[in-house]
């Protein structure tokens, strides 16, 4: 619901807000609109992104070769 109001009041279309990450500039806009701090919105975005990472781990690490430690056989 806040995205609908924020889209109208920040002159950005709802679809543009709903499908994009909460960037630092966007977190400032949301903070001013909602009365929350910009840190709240940025932290919320980071938290959501971190929670999604475990399911993306195979894709993110598929081409990475682990580093060899010195002295390892």
Protein backbone atom coordinates (compact mmCIF):
# COMPACT_ATOMS: atom_id res chain seq x y z
CA UNK A 1 0.00 0.00 0.00
CA UNK A 2 2.79 2.42 0.79
CA UNK A 3 4.20 1.81 -2.67
CA UNK A 4 0.96 2.98 -4.23
CA UNK A 5 0.90 6.18 -2.20
CA UNK A 6 4.63 6.72 -2.55
CA UNK A 7 4.40 6.31 -6.29
CA UNK A 8 1.73 8.95 -6.50
CA UNK A 9 3.37 11.37 -4.10
CA UNK A 10 6.91 10.98 -5.43
CA UNK A 11 5.76 11.21 -9.04
CA UNK A 12 7.02 7.75 -9.88
CA UNK A 13 4.79 5.04 -11.35
CA UNK A 14 3.78 2.24 -8.99
CA UNK A 15 5.28 -0.44 -11.25
CA UNK A 16 8.61 1.37 -11.29
CA UNK A 17 8.73 1.38 -7.50
CA UNK A 18 7.41 -2.14 -6.89
CA UNK A 19 9.90 -3.88 -9.18
CA UNK A 20 13.07 -2.00 -8.34
CA UNK A 21 15.43 -2.16 -5.42
CA UNK A 22 15.21 0.41 -2.68
CA UNK A 23 18.26 2.47 -3.54
CA UNK A 24 19.71 5.09 -1.18
CA UNK A 25 17.94 7.94 -3.04
CA UNK A 26 14.67 6.00 -3.02
CA UNK A 27 15.07 5.25 0.71
CA UNK A 28 15.32 9.00 1.34
CA UNK A 29 12.11 9.59 -0.64
CA UNK A 30 10.28 6.79 1.20
CA UNK A 31 11.57 8.08 4.52
CA UNK A 32 10.26 11.58 3.89
CA UNK A 33 6.95 10.21 2.62
CA UNK A 34 6.37 7.73 5.46
CA UNK A 35 7.96 9.59 8.36
CA UNK A 36 10.49 6.77 8.80
CA UNK A 37 14.23 7.31 8.56
CA UNK A 38 16.02 6.64 5.30
CA UNK A 39 18.17 4.16 7.23
CA UNK A 40 15.02 2.17 8.03
CA UNK A 41 14.16 1.79 4.35
CA UNK A 42 17.72 1.04 3.29
CA UNK A 43 18.07 -1.53 6.09
CA UNK A 44 14.79 -3.15 5.06
CA UNK A 45 16.04 -3.50 1.49
CA UNK A 46 19.35 -5.01 2.62
CA UNK A 47 17.54 -7.45 4.92
CA UNK A 48 15.23 -8.62 2.13
CA UNK A 49 18.12 -9.06 -0.28
CA UNK A 50 20.14 -11.05 2.29
CA UNK A 51 17.22 -13.36 3.00
CA UNK A 52 16.93 -14.14 -0.72
CA UNK A 53 20.62 -15.04 -1.08
CA UNK A 54 20.60 -18.68 0.13
CA UNK A 55 18.31 -19.70 -2.73
CA UNK A 56 20.61 -17.92 -5.18
CA UNK A 57 23.83 -19.43 -3.80
CA UNK A 58 24.21 -22.14 -6.49
CA UNK A 59 23.93 -19.58 -9.27
CA UNK A 60 26.23 -17.10 -7.55
CA UNK A 61 28.97 -19.64 -6.86
CA UNK A 62 28.74 -22.02 -9.85
CA UNK A 63 31.88 -20.68 -11.56
CA UNK A 64 34.01 -19.92 -8.52
CA UNK A 65 36.98 -22.14 -7.74
CA UNK A 66 37.89 -22.13 -4.03
CA UNK A 67 41.31 -20.67 -3.26
CA UNK A 68 44.05 -23.11 -2.33
CA UNK A 69 45.60 -22.49 1.05
CA UNK A 70 49.40 -22.55 1.20
CA UNK A 71 50.70 -25.96 2.20
CA UNK A 72 47.46 -27.76 1.35
CA UNK A 73 47.86 -30.99 -0.58
